[in-house]
């Protein structure tokens, strides 16, 4: 996991004709993505100038100087090398580290895997895709989330099968 890049956003469109891009940021607050000057896109490291533009974020990638070149990046995900990010405190996780983990409740029932997380304002929510159905479990440590075990790729939850 130490080498796994961290997903921080995606390129949602073009902005103007000089190669600027519209960016959808997954950082909190949204404009925090502008702090980072090097982004990984499709495994390639780019130098970037990003700025807040109204309520959104736009970015200029070095070497992308026209709309046609920018359009080829639309839909791509933006990552950072993990070494570019601050260390997390105990009990904190980057969302993309949780995606793909198996979820098992305290009774041993396998619920499926985490497909994504949602931000609700009060707390984050795990979206778990299982064979029988989709479940939404609040990501509240020591209440619903009992353990995040990266060695076994498993999140243990206190959540009943029928909830």
N, C-alpha and C. Protein backbone atom coordinates (compact mmCIF):
# COMPACT_ATOMS: atom_id res chain seq x y z
N UNK A 1 0.81 -1.19 0.00
CA UNK A 1 0.00 0.00 0.00
C UNK A 1 0.86 1.26 0.00
N UNK A 2 2.04 1.18 0.54
CA UNK A 2 2.90 2.36 0.62
C UNK A 2 3.24 2.94 -0.75
N UNK A 3 3.28 2.11 -1.79
CA UNK A 3 3.61 2.58 -3.13
C UNK A 3 2.38 2.92 -3.95
N UNK A 4 1.21 2.55 -3.47
CA UNK A 4 -0.02 2.76 -4.23
C UNK A 4 -0.36 4.25 -4.28
N UNK A 5 -0.46 4.82 -5.50
CA UNK A 5 -0.82 6.24 -5.61
C UNK A 5 -2.22 6.48 -5.05
N UNK A 6 -2.50 7.72 -4.68
CA UNK A 6 -3.77 8.09 -4.08
C UNK A 6 -4.59 8.89 -5.08
N UNK A 7 -5.81 8.45 -5.32
CA UNK A 7 -6.74 9.11 -6.23
C UNK A 7 -7.21 10.41 -5.59
N UNK A 8 -7.04 11.53 -6.32
CA UNK A 8 -7.45 12.83 -5.76
C UNK A 8 -8.45 13.57 -6.63
N UNK A 9 -8.74 13.06 -7.84
CA UNK A 9 -9.69 13.75 -8.68
C UNK A 9 -9.76 13.15 -10.07
N UNK A 10 -10.49 13.84 -10.93
CA UNK A 10 -10.59 13.42 -12.33
C UNK A 10 -10.73 14.64 -13.22
N UNK A 11 -10.44 14.46 -14.48
CA UNK A 11 -10.55 15.55 -15.45
C UNK A 11 -11.94 15.45 -16.07
N UNK A 12 -12.72 16.51 -15.90
CA UNK A 12 -14.12 16.45 -16.29
C UNK A 12 -14.43 17.16 -17.60
N UNK A 13 -13.48 17.96 -18.12
CA UNK A 13 -13.75 18.64 -19.37
C UNK A 13 -12.65 19.62 -19.72
N UNK A 14 -12.84 20.31 -20.84
CA UNK A 14 -11.89 21.33 -21.29
C UNK A 14 -12.40 22.70 -20.85
N UNK A 15 -11.47 23.62 -20.67
CA UNK A 15 -11.81 24.99 -20.30
C UNK A 15 -11.05 25.91 -21.26
N UNK A 16 -11.75 26.47 -22.21
CA UNK A 16 -11.12 27.36 -23.17
C UNK A 16 -10.39 26.60 -24.27
N UNK A 17 -9.56 27.34 -25.01
CA UNK A 17 -8.88 26.76 -26.18
C UNK A 17 -7.38 26.60 -25.99
N UNK A 18 -6.84 26.99 -24.85
CA UNK A 18 -5.39 26.96 -24.64
C UNK A 18 -4.91 25.79 -23.78
N UNK A 19 -5.70 24.75 -23.70
CA UNK A 19 -5.24 23.55 -23.00
C UNK A 19 -5.64 23.46 -21.53
N UNK A 20 -6.41 24.38 -21.03
CA UNK A 20 -6.86 24.31 -19.65
C UNK A 20 -7.93 23.23 -19.51
N UNK A 21 -7.98 22.63 -18.34
CA UNK A 21 -8.89 21.53 -18.06
C UNK A 21 -9.77 21.83 -16.86
N UNK A 22 -11.00 21.35 -16.90
CA UNK A 22 -11.88 21.38 -15.73
C UNK A 22 -11.56 20.14 -14.91
N UNK A 23 -11.48 20.33 -13.61
CA UNK A 23 -11.09 19.24 -12.72
C UNK A 23 -12.16 19.02 -11.67
N UNK A 24 -12.50 17.75 -11.46
CA UNK A 24 -13.37 17.39 -10.36
C UNK A 24 -12.48 16.87 -9.24
N UNK A 25 -12.44 17.60 -8.14
CA UNK A 25 -11.55 17.28 -7.04
C UNK A 25 -12.24 16.41 -6.00
N UNK A 26 -11.53 15.37 -5.52
CA UNK A 26 -12.02 14.53 -4.43
C UNK A 26 -11.45 14.98 -3.09
N UNK A 27 -10.62 16.02 -3.10
CA UNK A 27 -10.01 16.47 -1.85
C UNK A 27 -11.02 17.27 -1.03
N UNK A 28 -10.74 17.41 0.25
CA UNK A 28 -11.57 18.22 1.13
C UNK A 28 -10.71 19.26 1.80
N UNK A 29 -11.00 20.52 1.71
CA UNK A 29 -11.97 21.10 0.78
C UNK A 29 -11.51 20.92 -0.66
N UNK A 30 -12.43 21.10 -1.57
CA UNK A 30 -12.23 20.81 -3.00
C UNK A 30 -10.99 21.49 -3.57
N UNK A 31 -10.71 22.71 -3.14
CA UNK A 31 -9.57 23.46 -3.70
C UNK A 31 -8.21 22.97 -3.20
N UNK A 32 -8.19 22.03 -2.27
CA UNK A 32 -6.89 21.49 -1.81
C UNK A 32 -6.10 20.83 -2.94
N UNK A 33 -6.78 20.40 -3.97
CA UNK A 33 -6.08 19.79 -5.11
C UNK A 33 -5.12 20.78 -5.76
N UNK A 34 -5.37 22.08 -5.61
CA UNK A 34 -4.50 23.10 -6.22
C UNK A 34 -3.14 23.18 -5.55
N UNK A 35 -2.99 22.59 -4.39
CA UNK A 35 -1.70 22.63 -3.67
C UNK A 35 -0.62 21.78 -4.34
N UNK A 36 -1.06 20.78 -5.09
CA UNK A 36 -0.13 19.81 -5.63
C UNK A 36 0.29 20.20 -7.05
N UNK A 37 1.59 20.20 -7.28
CA UNK A 37 2.15 20.68 -8.55
C UNK A 37 2.53 19.56 -9.50
N UNK A 38 2.45 18.32 -9.04
CA UNK A 38 2.74 17.17 -9.89
C UNK A 38 1.63 16.14 -9.72
N UNK A 39 1.02 15.79 -10.85
CA UNK A 39 -0.07 14.82 -10.85
C UNK A 39 0.32 13.61 -11.68
N UNK A 40 -0.14 12.45 -11.26
CA UNK A 40 -0.01 11.21 -12.04
C UNK A 40 -1.30 11.00 -12.82
N UNK A 41 -1.18 10.94 -14.14
CA UNK A 41 -2.32 10.66 -15.00
C UNK A 41 -1.87 9.55 -15.95
N UNK A 42 -2.61 8.45 -15.94
CA UNK A 42 -2.23 7.28 -16.76
C UNK A 42 -0.78 6.85 -16.51
N UNK A 43 -0.35 6.94 -15.26
CA UNK A 43 0.99 6.49 -14.89
C UNK A 43 2.11 7.45 -15.24
N UNK A 44 1.78 8.58 -15.85
CA UNK A 44 2.79 9.58 -16.22
C UNK A 44 2.70 10.77 -15.28
N UNK A 45 3.85 11.25 -14.82
CA UNK A 45 3.89 12.38 -13.91
C UNK A 45 3.94 13.68 -14.72
N UNK A 46 3.00 14.58 -14.42
CA UNK A 46 2.91 15.87 -15.12
C UNK A 46 3.10 17.01 -14.13
N UNK A 47 3.71 18.10 -14.62
CA UNK A 47 3.75 19.34 -13.85
C UNK A 47 2.45 20.08 -14.13
N UNK A 48 1.86 20.63 -13.08
CA UNK A 48 0.52 21.20 -13.18
C UNK A 48 0.43 22.53 -12.46
N UNK A 49 -0.34 23.43 -13.03
CA UNK A 49 -0.75 24.66 -12.35
C UNK A 49 -2.26 24.58 -12.23
N UNK A 50 -2.78 24.47 -11.02
CA UNK A 50 -4.22 24.38 -10.80
C UNK A 50 -4.67 25.57 -9.97
N UNK A 51 -5.88 26.02 -10.22
CA UNK A 51 -6.41 27.17 -9.50
C UNK A 51 -7.91 27.04 -9.32
N UNK A 52 -8.40 27.67 -8.28
CA UNK A 52 -9.84 27.72 -8.07
C UNK A 52 -10.42 28.69 -9.09
N UNK A 53 -11.54 28.32 -9.68
CA UNK A 53 -12.20 29.14 -10.71
C UNK A 53 -13.69 29.15 -10.40
N UNK A 54 -14.13 30.20 -9.69
CA UNK A 54 -15.50 30.21 -9.20
C UNK A 54 -15.67 29.12 -8.17
N UNK A 55 -16.66 28.25 -8.38
CA UNK A 55 -16.89 27.14 -7.46
C UNK A 55 -16.16 25.88 -7.91
N UNK A 56 -15.45 25.94 -9.02
CA UNK A 56 -14.77 24.76 -9.54
C UNK A 56 -13.27 24.95 -9.54
N UNK A 57 -12.56 23.98 -10.10
CA UNK A 57 -11.10 24.01 -10.21
C UNK A 57 -10.74 23.79 -11.67
N UNK A 58 -9.77 24.57 -12.16
CA UNK A 58 -9.23 24.36 -13.49
C UNK A 58 -7.72 24.15 -13.37
N UNK A 59 -7.15 23.51 -14.38
CA UNK A 59 -5.72 23.20 -14.32
C UNK A 59 -5.10 23.30 -15.71
N UNK A 60 -3.84 23.68 -15.71
CA UNK A 60 -3.03 23.74 -16.93
C UNK A 60 -1.88 22.76 -16.73
N UNK A 61 -1.80 21.78 -17.61
CA UNK A 61 -0.76 20.77 -17.54
C UNK A 61 0.35 21.17 -18.51
N UNK A 62 1.58 21.15 -18.00
CA UNK A 62 2.73 21.51 -18.83
C UNK A 62 2.77 20.63 -20.07
N UNK A 63 2.89 21.25 -21.23
CA UNK A 63 2.96 20.51 -22.49
C UNK A 63 1.62 20.31 -23.18
N UNK A 64 0.54 20.62 -22.50
CA UNK A 64 -0.81 20.53 -23.09
C UNK A 64 -1.23 21.97 -23.39
N UNK A 65 -1.12 22.35 -24.66
CA UNK A 65 -1.28 23.76 -25.01
C UNK A 65 -2.47 24.09 -25.90
N UNK A 66 -3.27 23.09 -26.25
CA UNK A 66 -4.45 23.40 -27.05
C UNK A 66 -5.62 22.50 -26.63
N UNK A 67 -6.79 22.87 -27.06
CA UNK A 67 -8.01 22.16 -26.67
C UNK A 67 -7.99 20.70 -27.13
N UNK A 68 -7.48 20.41 -28.30
CA UNK A 68 -7.46 19.03 -28.80
C UNK A 68 -6.60 18.13 -27.90
N UNK A 69 -5.44 18.63 -27.51
CA UNK A 69 -4.56 17.85 -26.62
C UNK A 69 -5.23 17.68 -25.25
N UNK A 70 -5.88 18.74 -24.78
CA UNK A 70 -6.56 18.67 -23.48
C UNK A 70 -7.71 17.67 -23.53
N UNK A 71 -8.44 17.65 -24.64
CA UNK A 71 -9.60 16.76 -24.77
C UNK A 71 -9.22 15.29 -24.62
N UNK A 72 -8.01 14.93 -24.96
CA UNK A 72 -7.57 13.53 -24.83
C UNK A 72 -7.44 13.10 -23.37
N UNK A 73 -7.40 14.07 -22.45
CA UNK A 73 -7.28 13.74 -21.03
C UNK A 73 -8.63 13.72 -20.30
N UNK A 74 -9.68 14.17 -20.97
CA UNK A 74 -11.00 14.21 -20.32
C UNK A 74 -11.42 12.79 -19.94
N UNK A 75 -11.87 12.65 -18.71
CA UNK A 75 -12.28 11.35 -18.19
C UNK A 75 -11.18 10.61 -17.45
N UNK A 76 -9.96 11.10 -17.52
CA UNK A 76 -8.84 10.44 -16.84
C UNK A 76 -8.86 10.77 -15.34
N UNK A 77 -8.37 9.84 -14.54
CA UNK A 77 -8.26 10.04 -13.10
C UNK A 77 -6.92 10.68 -12.76
N UNK A 78 -6.92 11.46 -11.69
CA UNK A 78 -5.73 12.16 -11.22
C UNK A 78 -5.28 11.51 -9.91
N UNK A 79 -4.01 11.14 -9.87
CA UNK A 79 -3.43 10.52 -8.68
C UNK A 79 -2.24 11.34 -8.21
N UNK A 80 -1.88 11.12 -6.97
CA UNK A 80 -0.64 11.66 -6.41
C UNK A 80 0.21 10.51 -5.90
N UNK A 81 1.53 10.64 -6.03
CA UNK A 81 2.37 9.67 -5.33
C UNK A 81 2.09 9.80 -3.82
N UNK A 82 1.99 8.70 -3.14
CA UNK A 82 1.67 8.72 -1.70
C UNK A 82 2.66 9.58 -0.91
N UNK A 83 3.90 9.64 -1.38
CA UNK A 83 4.91 10.43 -0.67
C UNK A 83 4.63 11.93 -0.74
N UNK A 84 3.75 12.36 -1.64
CA UNK A 84 3.39 13.77 -1.75
C UNK A 84 2.35 14.19 -0.72
N UNK A 85 1.75 13.22 -0.05
CA UNK A 85 0.65 13.50 0.87
C UNK A 85 1.11 13.45 2.32
N UNK A 86 0.41 14.17 3.18
CA UNK A 86 0.76 14.12 4.60
C UNK A 86 0.45 12.75 5.19
N UNK A 87 1.22 12.38 6.19
CA UNK A 87 0.97 11.12 6.89
C UNK A 87 -0.37 11.20 7.61
N UNK A 88 -1.08 10.10 7.64
CA UNK A 88 -2.38 10.06 8.30
C UNK A 88 -2.22 9.65 9.76
N UNK A 89 -3.12 10.13 10.57
CA UNK A 89 -3.15 9.74 11.97
C UNK A 89 -3.82 8.37 12.09
N UNK A 90 -3.64 7.73 13.21
CA UNK A 90 -4.27 6.43 13.48
C UNK A 90 -5.78 6.56 13.29
N UNK A 91 -6.37 5.61 12.56
CA UNK A 91 -7.81 5.62 12.33
C UNK A 91 -8.26 6.47 11.16
N UNK A 92 -7.33 7.11 10.44
CA UNK A 92 -7.67 7.87 9.25
C UNK A 92 -7.21 7.08 8.02
N UNK A 93 -7.98 7.20 6.93
CA UNK A 93 -7.69 6.44 5.73
C UNK A 93 -7.99 7.26 4.50
N UNK A 94 -7.24 7.02 3.45
CA UNK A 94 -7.59 7.58 2.16
C UNK A 94 -8.66 6.68 1.56
N UNK A 95 -9.69 7.29 0.98
CA UNK A 95 -10.81 6.53 0.43
C UNK A 95 -10.36 5.44 -0.52
N UNK A 96 -9.44 5.77 -1.43
CA UNK A 96 -9.10 4.75 -2.43
C UNK A 96 -8.38 3.55 -1.81
N UNK A 97 -7.88 3.66 -0.58
CA UNK A 97 -7.31 2.50 0.09
C UNK A 97 -8.41 1.56 0.58
N UNK A 98 -9.61 2.10 0.80
CA UNK A 98 -10.73 1.29 1.29
C UNK A 98 -11.51 0.62 0.16
N UNK A 99 -11.49 1.25 -1.01
CA UNK A 99 -12.22 0.71 -2.15
C UNK A 99 -11.61 -0.63 -2.56
N UNK A 100 -12.48 -1.62 -2.73
CA UNK A 100 -12.04 -2.97 -3.09
C UNK A 100 -11.85 -3.89 -1.90
N UNK A 101 -11.93 -3.34 -0.68
CA UNK A 101 -11.78 -4.20 0.50
C UNK A 101 -13.06 -5.00 0.73
N UNK A 102 -12.89 -6.21 1.26
CA UNK A 102 -14.02 -7.05 1.63
C UNK A 102 -14.61 -6.55 2.93
N UNK A 103 -15.91 -6.70 3.09
CA UNK A 103 -16.59 -6.27 4.31
C UNK A 103 -17.28 -7.47 4.93
N UNK A 104 -17.00 -7.69 6.22
CA UNK A 104 -17.56 -8.80 6.98
C UNK A 104 -18.10 -8.23 8.28
N UNK A 105 -19.29 -8.69 8.68
CA UNK A 105 -19.82 -8.20 9.96
C UNK A 105 -19.29 -9.02 11.12
N UNK A 106 -19.61 -8.58 12.33
CA UNK A 106 -19.06 -9.23 13.53
C UNK A 106 -19.57 -10.66 13.71
N UNK A 107 -20.69 -11.01 13.04
CA UNK A 107 -21.19 -12.38 13.08
C UNK A 107 -20.51 -13.27 12.04
N UNK A 108 -19.66 -12.67 11.19
CA UNK A 108 -18.95 -13.44 10.17
C UNK A 108 -19.62 -13.47 8.82
N UNK A 109 -20.71 -12.71 8.64
CA UNK A 109 -21.39 -12.66 7.35
C UNK A 109 -20.60 -11.79 6.38
N UNK A 110 -20.32 -12.33 5.20
CA UNK A 110 -19.62 -11.57 4.15
C UNK A 110 -20.65 -10.71 3.42
N UNK A 111 -20.42 -9.40 3.40
CA UNK A 111 -21.36 -8.47 2.76
C UNK A 111 -21.00 -8.15 1.32
N UNK A 112 -19.74 -8.30 0.95
CA UNK A 112 -19.30 -7.93 -0.39
C UNK A 112 -18.06 -7.06 -0.30
N UNK A 113 -17.88 -6.20 -1.31
CA UNK A 113 -16.70 -5.32 -1.34
C UNK A 113 -17.12 -3.86 -1.42
N UNK A 114 -16.25 -3.00 -0.94
CA UNK A 114 -16.48 -1.56 -0.99
C UNK A 114 -16.30 -1.10 -2.44
N UNK A 115 -17.35 -0.54 -3.02
CA UNK A 115 -17.27 -0.05 -4.40
C UNK A 115 -16.94 1.44 -4.45
N UNK A 116 -17.36 2.17 -3.42
CA UNK A 116 -17.07 3.60 -3.33
C UNK A 116 -17.47 4.08 -1.96
N UNK A 117 -17.17 5.34 -1.69
CA UNK A 117 -17.61 5.99 -0.47
C UNK A 117 -18.39 7.22 -0.84
N UNK A 118 -19.30 7.60 0.04
CA UNK A 118 -20.10 8.81 -0.14
C UNK A 118 -19.83 9.77 1.01
N UNK A 119 -19.82 11.04 0.70
CA UNK A 119 -19.70 12.06 1.73
C UNK A 119 -21.09 12.62 1.98
N UNK A 120 -21.55 12.50 3.22
CA UNK A 120 -22.91 12.93 3.52
C UNK A 120 -22.98 14.20 4.36
N UNK A 121 -21.87 14.69 4.81
CA UNK A 121 -21.86 15.85 5.69
C UNK A 121 -21.64 15.42 7.13
N UNK A 122 -22.48 14.50 7.61
CA UNK A 122 -22.33 14.02 8.98
C UNK A 122 -21.14 13.08 9.10
N UNK A 123 -21.00 12.17 8.12
CA UNK A 123 -19.90 11.21 8.11
C UNK A 123 -19.84 10.57 6.73
N UNK A 124 -18.76 9.89 6.45
CA UNK A 124 -18.63 9.17 5.19
C UNK A 124 -19.42 7.86 5.29
N UNK A 125 -19.80 7.34 4.13
CA UNK A 125 -20.58 6.10 4.08
C UNK A 125 -19.93 5.14 3.09
N UNK A 126 -19.72 3.89 3.54
CA UNK A 126 -19.23 2.84 2.65
C UNK A 126 -20.37 2.34 1.77
N UNK A 127 -20.14 2.23 0.49
CA UNK A 127 -21.09 1.59 -0.42
C UNK A 127 -20.54 0.19 -0.69
N UNK A 128 -21.27 -0.82 -0.24
CA UNK A 128 -20.81 -2.20 -0.30
C UNK A 128 -21.67 -2.96 -1.32
N UNK A 129 -21.03 -3.50 -2.33
CA UNK A 129 -21.72 -4.28 -3.35
C UNK A 129 -21.57 -5.76 -3.00
N UNK A 130 -22.72 -6.41 -2.76
CA UNK A 130 -22.71 -7.82 -2.43
C UNK A 130 -23.50 -8.62 -3.44
N UNK A 131 -23.45 -9.95 -3.29
CA UNK A 131 -24.20 -10.82 -4.19
C UNK A 131 -25.70 -10.63 -4.02
N UNK A 132 -26.13 -10.39 -2.77
CA UNK A 132 -27.57 -10.30 -2.53
C UNK A 132 -28.12 -8.88 -2.65
N UNK A 133 -27.29 -7.86 -2.37
CA UNK A 133 -27.76 -6.47 -2.46
C UNK A 133 -26.64 -5.49 -2.16
N UNK A 134 -26.98 -4.22 -2.32
CA UNK A 134 -26.04 -3.15 -1.97
C UNK A 134 -26.36 -2.70 -0.54
N UNK A 135 -25.32 -2.44 0.23
CA UNK A 135 -25.50 -1.94 1.59
C UNK A 135 -24.75 -0.62 1.75
N UNK A 136 -25.30 0.25 2.57
CA UNK A 136 -24.66 1.51 2.92
C UNK A 136 -24.38 1.46 4.41
N UNK A 137 -23.11 1.56 4.77
CA UNK A 137 -22.72 1.49 6.19
C UNK A 137 -21.94 2.75 6.54
N UNK A 138 -22.40 3.48 7.55
CA UNK A 138 -21.67 4.70 7.97
C UNK A 138 -20.25 4.35 8.40
N UNK A 139 -19.29 5.14 7.92
CA UNK A 139 -17.89 4.91 8.29
C UNK A 139 -17.60 5.68 9.58
N UNK A 140 -18.06 5.11 10.68
CA UNK A 140 -17.86 5.69 12.00
C UNK A 140 -17.07 4.68 12.82
N UNK A 141 -15.80 5.02 13.07
CA UNK A 141 -14.91 4.11 13.79
C UNK A 141 -15.42 3.85 15.20
N UNK A 142 -15.24 2.63 15.64
CA UNK A 142 -15.60 2.15 16.96
C UNK A 142 -17.11 2.13 17.23
N UNK A 143 -17.91 2.52 16.25
CA UNK A 143 -19.36 2.38 16.36
C UNK A 143 -19.80 1.32 15.35
N UNK A 144 -19.69 1.62 14.08
CA UNK A 144 -20.04 0.66 13.03
C UNK A 144 -18.82 -0.02 12.43
N UNK A 145 -17.71 0.70 12.37
CA UNK A 145 -16.47 0.14 11.83
C UNK A 145 -15.63 -0.34 13.01
N UNK A 146 -15.45 -1.64 13.09
CA UNK A 146 -14.72 -2.22 14.22
C UNK A 146 -13.24 -2.38 13.94
N UNK A 147 -12.89 -2.62 12.66
CA UNK A 147 -11.49 -2.86 12.34
C UNK A 147 -11.28 -2.72 10.84
N UNK A 148 -10.18 -2.08 10.46
CA UNK A 148 -9.75 -2.03 9.07
C UNK A 148 -8.44 -2.80 9.01
N UNK A 149 -8.48 -3.95 8.36
CA UNK A 149 -7.35 -4.88 8.33
C UNK A 149 -6.78 -4.94 6.92
N UNK A 150 -5.76 -4.12 6.66
CA UNK A 150 -5.16 -4.08 5.33
C UNK A 150 -4.41 -5.37 4.99
N UNK A 151 -3.86 -6.04 6.00
CA UNK A 151 -3.14 -7.29 5.74
C UNK A 151 -4.06 -8.35 5.14
N UNK A 152 -5.32 -8.37 5.58
CA UNK A 152 -6.29 -9.35 5.08
C UNK A 152 -7.32 -8.73 4.14
N UNK A 153 -7.13 -7.47 3.80
CA UNK A 153 -8.02 -6.75 2.87
C UNK A 153 -9.48 -6.80 3.34
N UNK A 154 -9.69 -6.61 4.65
CA UNK A 154 -11.02 -6.77 5.22
C UNK A 154 -11.37 -5.63 6.17
N UNK A 155 -12.61 -5.18 6.06
CA UNK A 155 -13.18 -4.23 7.03
C UNK A 155 -14.23 -5.00 7.82
N UNK A 156 -14.09 -4.97 9.15
CA UNK A 156 -15.07 -5.63 10.03
C UNK A 156 -16.04 -4.57 10.53
N UNK A 157 -17.35 -4.88 10.38
CA UNK A 157 -18.38 -3.91 10.73
C UNK A 157 -19.36 -4.50 11.75
N UNK A 158 -19.93 -3.64 12.56
CA UNK A 158 -21.02 -4.02 13.46
C UNK A 158 -22.30 -3.58 12.76
N UNK A 159 -22.78 -4.45 11.89
CA UNK A 159 -23.94 -4.15 11.05
C UNK A 159 -24.62 -5.49 10.78
N UNK A 160 -25.89 -5.55 11.02
CA UNK A 160 -26.60 -6.81 10.84
C UNK A 160 -26.95 -7.06 9.39
N UNK A 161 -27.00 -8.30 9.02
CA UNK A 161 -27.26 -8.69 7.63
C UNK A 161 -28.55 -8.05 7.11
N UNK A 162 -29.57 -7.93 7.92
CA UNK A 162 -30.87 -7.41 7.48
C UNK A 162 -30.99 -5.90 7.52
N UNK A 163 -29.98 -5.19 8.04
CA UNK A 163 -30.04 -3.71 8.11
C UNK A 163 -29.81 -3.10 6.75
